[in-house]
Amino acid sequence: MDTWTLPQPNFSQIEFERIDLAANARRYYLVAWQPNLYGEGTLIRMFGRMGRFKRVIAIPCPSLQAAWPMIRAIVRTRLRHGYHIL
């Protein structure tokens, strides 16, 4: 069974990196789910070049279960693009 099919217990974040010295690529990617003050949650995406300012995108989500399809798609895409989980 795929690890990313169902929400993992106590999931809070996952970090990725991709280093390709020949292409001068040093990339970082973080996906996190955090509860907010209104009883719902927020999916956080932070990415960019290592050592530089990171771009941050926050997407409101009612629950981790509602955010999980997006998290699962992001994880699969990052792994397919050569990122490694930290």
N, C-alpha and C. Protein backbone atom coordinates (compact mmCIF):
# COMPACT_ATOMS: atom_id res chain seq x y z
N MET A 1 0.84 -1.19 0.00
CA MET A 1 0.00 0.00 0.00
C MET A 1 0.88 1.25 0.00
N ASP A 2 0.51 2.24 -0.74
CA ASP A 2 1.25 3.50 -0.84
C ASP A 2 1.21 4.23 0.50
N THR A 3 2.38 4.68 0.97
CA THR A 3 2.49 5.39 2.25
C THR A 3 1.65 6.66 2.27
N TRP A 4 1.46 7.28 1.12
CA TRP A 4 0.81 8.58 1.06
C TRP A 4 -0.67 8.49 0.72
N THR A 5 -1.28 7.30 0.75
CA THR A 5 -2.69 7.16 0.42
C THR A 5 -3.59 7.78 1.48
N LEU A 6 -3.28 7.52 2.75
CA LEU A 6 -4.08 8.06 3.86
C LEU A 6 -3.24 9.01 4.69
N PRO A 7 -3.87 9.97 5.36
CA PRO A 7 -3.10 10.88 6.21
C PRO A 7 -2.31 10.12 7.27
N GLN A 8 -1.07 10.46 7.44
CA GLN A 8 -0.23 9.82 8.43
C GLN A 8 -0.55 10.38 9.82
N PRO A 9 -0.53 9.54 10.85
CA PRO A 9 -0.82 10.05 12.19
C PRO A 9 0.18 11.15 12.59
N ASN A 10 -0.33 12.20 13.15
CA ASN A 10 0.50 13.32 13.63
C ASN A 10 1.32 13.98 12.53
N PHE A 11 0.82 13.99 11.28
CA PHE A 11 1.54 14.66 10.20
C PHE A 11 1.58 16.15 10.48
N SER A 12 2.75 16.75 10.34
CA SER A 12 2.84 18.21 10.45
C SER A 12 3.59 18.80 9.26
N GLN A 13 4.68 18.14 8.82
CA GLN A 13 5.41 18.68 7.68
C GLN A 13 6.31 17.63 7.07
N ILE A 14 6.74 17.89 5.85
CA ILE A 14 7.73 17.07 5.17
C ILE A 14 8.62 18.00 4.37
N GLU A 15 9.93 17.74 4.41
CA GLU A 15 10.91 18.58 3.73
C GLU A 15 11.59 17.78 2.62
N PHE A 16 11.89 18.46 1.53
CA PHE A 16 12.57 17.84 0.40
C PHE A 16 13.77 18.70 0.02
N GLU A 17 14.74 18.07 -0.64
CA GLU A 17 15.83 18.82 -1.25
C GLU A 17 16.23 18.12 -2.55
N ARG A 18 16.75 18.93 -3.46
CA ARG A 18 17.29 18.39 -4.72
C ARG A 18 18.57 19.13 -5.00
N ILE A 19 19.66 18.38 -5.05
CA ILE A 19 20.97 18.97 -5.33
C ILE A 19 21.53 18.31 -6.58
N ASP A 20 21.79 19.13 -7.58
CA ASP A 20 22.41 18.68 -8.84
C ASP A 20 23.52 19.67 -9.15
N LEU A 21 24.74 19.31 -8.74
CA LEU A 21 25.86 20.24 -8.88
C LEU A 21 26.18 20.53 -10.34
N ALA A 22 26.00 19.57 -11.21
CA ALA A 22 26.28 19.79 -12.63
C ALA A 22 25.36 20.85 -13.23
N ALA A 23 24.14 20.92 -12.74
CA ALA A 23 23.17 21.91 -13.24
C ALA A 23 23.09 23.14 -12.33
N ASN A 24 23.95 23.20 -11.30
CA ASN A 24 23.94 24.30 -10.33
C ASN A 24 22.56 24.46 -9.69
N ALA A 25 21.94 23.33 -9.36
CA ALA A 25 20.60 23.33 -8.75
C ALA A 25 20.71 22.88 -7.30
N ARG A 26 20.29 23.73 -6.40
CA ARG A 26 20.22 23.42 -4.96
C ARG A 26 18.84 23.89 -4.49
N ARG A 27 17.86 23.00 -4.56
CA ARG A 27 16.47 23.35 -4.32
C ARG A 27 15.97 22.78 -3.00
N TYR A 28 15.04 23.51 -2.39
CA TYR A 28 14.41 23.13 -1.12
C TYR A 28 12.90 23.26 -1.28
N TYR A 29 12.16 22.33 -0.65
CA TYR A 29 10.70 22.37 -0.71
C TYR A 29 10.16 21.85 0.61
N LEU A 30 9.19 22.53 1.18
CA LEU A 30 8.55 22.12 2.42
C LEU A 30 7.04 22.16 2.23
N VAL A 31 6.37 21.13 2.74
CA VAL A 31 4.91 21.08 2.76
C VAL A 31 4.51 20.84 4.21
N ALA A 32 3.63 21.68 4.73
CA ALA A 32 3.20 21.55 6.12
C ALA A 32 1.71 21.80 6.23
N TRP A 33 1.11 21.18 7.22
CA TRP A 33 -0.29 21.46 7.55
C TRP A 33 -0.31 21.91 9.00
N GLN A 34 -0.93 23.06 9.24
CA GLN A 34 -0.98 23.63 10.59
C GLN A 34 -2.39 24.05 10.92
N PRO A 35 -2.86 23.75 12.13
CA PRO A 35 -4.17 24.26 12.53
C PRO A 35 -4.09 25.78 12.68
N ASN A 36 -5.20 26.45 12.40
CA ASN A 36 -5.23 27.90 12.58
C ASN A 36 -6.11 28.27 13.76
N LEU A 37 -6.28 29.54 13.99
CA LEU A 37 -7.04 30.01 15.16
C LEU A 37 -8.55 29.83 15.03
N TYR A 38 -9.02 29.48 13.84
CA TYR A 38 -10.45 29.37 13.60
C TYR A 38 -10.96 27.94 13.61
N GLY A 39 -10.15 26.99 14.09
CA GLY A 39 -10.55 25.61 14.18
C GLY A 39 -10.39 24.85 12.87
N GLU A 40 -9.84 25.47 11.87
CA GLU A 40 -9.57 24.80 10.60
C GLU A 40 -8.07 24.63 10.46
N GLY A 41 -7.55 24.68 9.27
CA GLY A 41 -6.12 24.52 9.08
C GLY A 41 -5.65 25.24 7.84
N THR A 42 -4.33 25.20 7.66
CA THR A 42 -3.71 25.84 6.52
C THR A 42 -2.63 24.92 5.97
N LEU A 43 -2.66 24.74 4.66
CA LEU A 43 -1.60 24.01 3.97
C LEU A 43 -0.54 25.03 3.58
N ILE A 44 0.69 24.81 4.03
CA ILE A 44 1.80 25.72 3.77
C ILE A 44 2.75 25.06 2.78
N ARG A 45 3.09 25.80 1.71
CA ARG A 45 4.10 25.36 0.75
C ARG A 45 5.20 26.41 0.74
N MET A 46 6.44 25.98 0.99
CA MET A 46 7.58 26.89 0.99
C MET A 46 8.66 26.26 0.10
N PHE A 47 9.17 27.05 -0.85
CA PHE A 47 10.13 26.48 -1.79
C PHE A 47 11.05 27.55 -2.32
N GLY A 48 12.20 27.11 -2.83
CA GLY A 48 13.16 28.02 -3.42
C GLY A 48 14.56 27.44 -3.40
N ARG A 49 15.51 28.26 -3.78
CA ARG A 49 16.91 27.85 -3.79
C ARG A 49 17.45 27.84 -2.36
N MET A 50 18.23 26.84 -2.02
CA MET A 50 18.83 26.77 -0.68
C MET A 50 19.70 28.00 -0.45
N GLY A 51 19.59 28.56 0.73
CA GLY A 51 20.39 29.73 1.08
C GLY A 51 19.80 31.05 0.62
N ARG A 52 18.65 31.01 0.00
CA ARG A 52 17.98 32.22 -0.48
C ARG A 52 16.60 32.35 0.16
N PHE A 53 15.97 33.47 -0.06
CA PHE A 53 14.61 33.69 0.42
C PHE A 53 13.69 32.67 -0.23
N LYS A 54 12.79 32.10 0.55
CA LYS A 54 11.86 31.09 0.03
C LYS A 54 10.50 31.71 -0.25
N ARG A 55 9.86 31.23 -1.29
CA ARG A 55 8.49 31.63 -1.60
C ARG A 55 7.55 30.83 -0.71
N VAL A 56 6.52 31.48 -0.16
CA VAL A 56 5.58 30.82 0.74
C VAL A 56 4.17 30.99 0.20
N ILE A 57 3.44 29.88 0.13
CA ILE A 57 2.04 29.89 -0.28
C ILE A 57 1.22 29.23 0.83
N ALA A 58 0.18 29.90 1.29
CA ALA A 58 -0.71 29.36 2.32
C ALA A 58 -2.09 29.14 1.71
N ILE A 59 -2.61 27.93 1.88
CA ILE A 59 -3.92 27.57 1.33
C ILE A 59 -4.82 27.13 2.48
N PRO A 60 -5.91 27.83 2.75
CA PRO A 60 -6.82 27.42 3.83
C PRO A 60 -7.47 26.07 3.50
N CYS A 61 -7.55 25.20 4.51
CA CYS A 61 -8.18 23.88 4.36
C CYS A 61 -8.97 23.59 5.64
N PRO A 62 -10.15 23.01 5.52
CA PRO A 62 -10.95 22.75 6.70
C PRO A 62 -10.36 21.70 7.64
N SER A 63 -9.56 20.76 7.08
CA SER A 63 -8.98 19.70 7.92
C SER A 63 -7.80 19.09 7.18
N LEU A 64 -7.04 18.27 7.92
CA LEU A 64 -5.93 17.55 7.30
C LEU A 64 -6.45 16.58 6.25
N GLN A 65 -7.58 15.95 6.51
CA GLN A 65 -8.16 15.01 5.54
C GLN A 65 -8.51 15.72 4.23
N ALA A 66 -9.00 16.95 4.32
CA ALA A 66 -9.33 17.72 3.12
C ALA A 66 -8.06 18.15 2.37
N ALA A 67 -6.98 18.40 3.11
CA ALA A 67 -5.73 18.84 2.50
C ALA A 67 -4.91 17.68 1.96
N TRP A 68 -5.22 16.46 2.42
CA TRP A 68 -4.37 15.32 2.08
C TRP A 68 -4.23 15.05 0.58
N PRO A 69 -5.26 15.14 -0.24
CA PRO A 69 -5.05 14.93 -1.68
C PRO A 69 -4.03 15.90 -2.28
N MET A 70 -4.02 17.15 -1.83
CA MET A 70 -3.03 18.12 -2.32
C MET A 70 -1.64 17.74 -1.82
N ILE A 71 -1.53 17.35 -0.55
CA ILE A 71 -0.24 16.96 0.02
C ILE A 71 0.30 15.75 -0.74
N ARG A 72 -0.55 14.78 -0.95
CA ARG A 72 -0.14 13.56 -1.67
C ARG A 72 0.35 13.89 -3.08
N ALA A 73 -0.35 14.77 -3.78
CA ALA A 73 0.06 15.15 -5.14
C ALA A 73 1.40 15.88 -5.12
N ILE A 74 1.60 16.75 -4.14
CA ILE A 74 2.87 17.49 -4.03
C ILE A 74 4.02 16.52 -3.76
N VAL A 75 3.82 15.58 -2.84
CA VAL A 75 4.87 14.60 -2.51
C VAL A 75 5.24 13.79 -3.75
N ARG A 76 4.26 13.28 -4.44
CA ARG A 76 4.54 12.47 -5.63
C ARG A 76 5.25 13.29 -6.71
N THR A 77 4.85 14.53 -6.90
CA THR A 77 5.49 15.38 -7.90
C THR A 77 6.93 15.67 -7.53
N ARG A 78 7.18 16.02 -6.27
CA ARG A 78 8.55 16.31 -5.85
C ARG A 78 9.45 15.09 -6.01
N LEU A 79 8.97 13.92 -5.63
CA LEU A 79 9.79 12.70 -5.77
C LEU A 79 10.03 12.39 -7.24
N ARG A 80 9.05 12.59 -8.09
CA ARG A 80 9.20 12.34 -9.52
C ARG A 80 10.22 13.31 -10.15
N HIS A 81 10.32 14.51 -9.58
CA HIS A 81 11.25 15.53 -10.11
C HIS A 81 12.65 15.44 -9.50
N GLY A 82 12.93 14.36 -8.78
CA GLY A 82 14.28 14.14 -8.29
C GLY A 82 14.58 14.65 -6.90
N TYR A 83 13.58 15.11 -6.18
CA TYR A 83 13.79 15.56 -4.80
C TYR A 83 13.92 14.35 -3.89
N HIS A 84 14.61 14.54 -2.77
CA HIS A 84 14.75 13.50 -1.75
C HIS A 84 14.15 14.02 -0.44
N ILE A 85 13.52 13.14 0.31
CA ILE A 85 12.93 13.53 1.59
C ILE A 85 14.05 13.66 2.61
N LEU A 86 14.03 14.74 3.35
CA LEU A 86 15.02 14.96 4.42
C LEU A 86 14.60 14.26 5.68
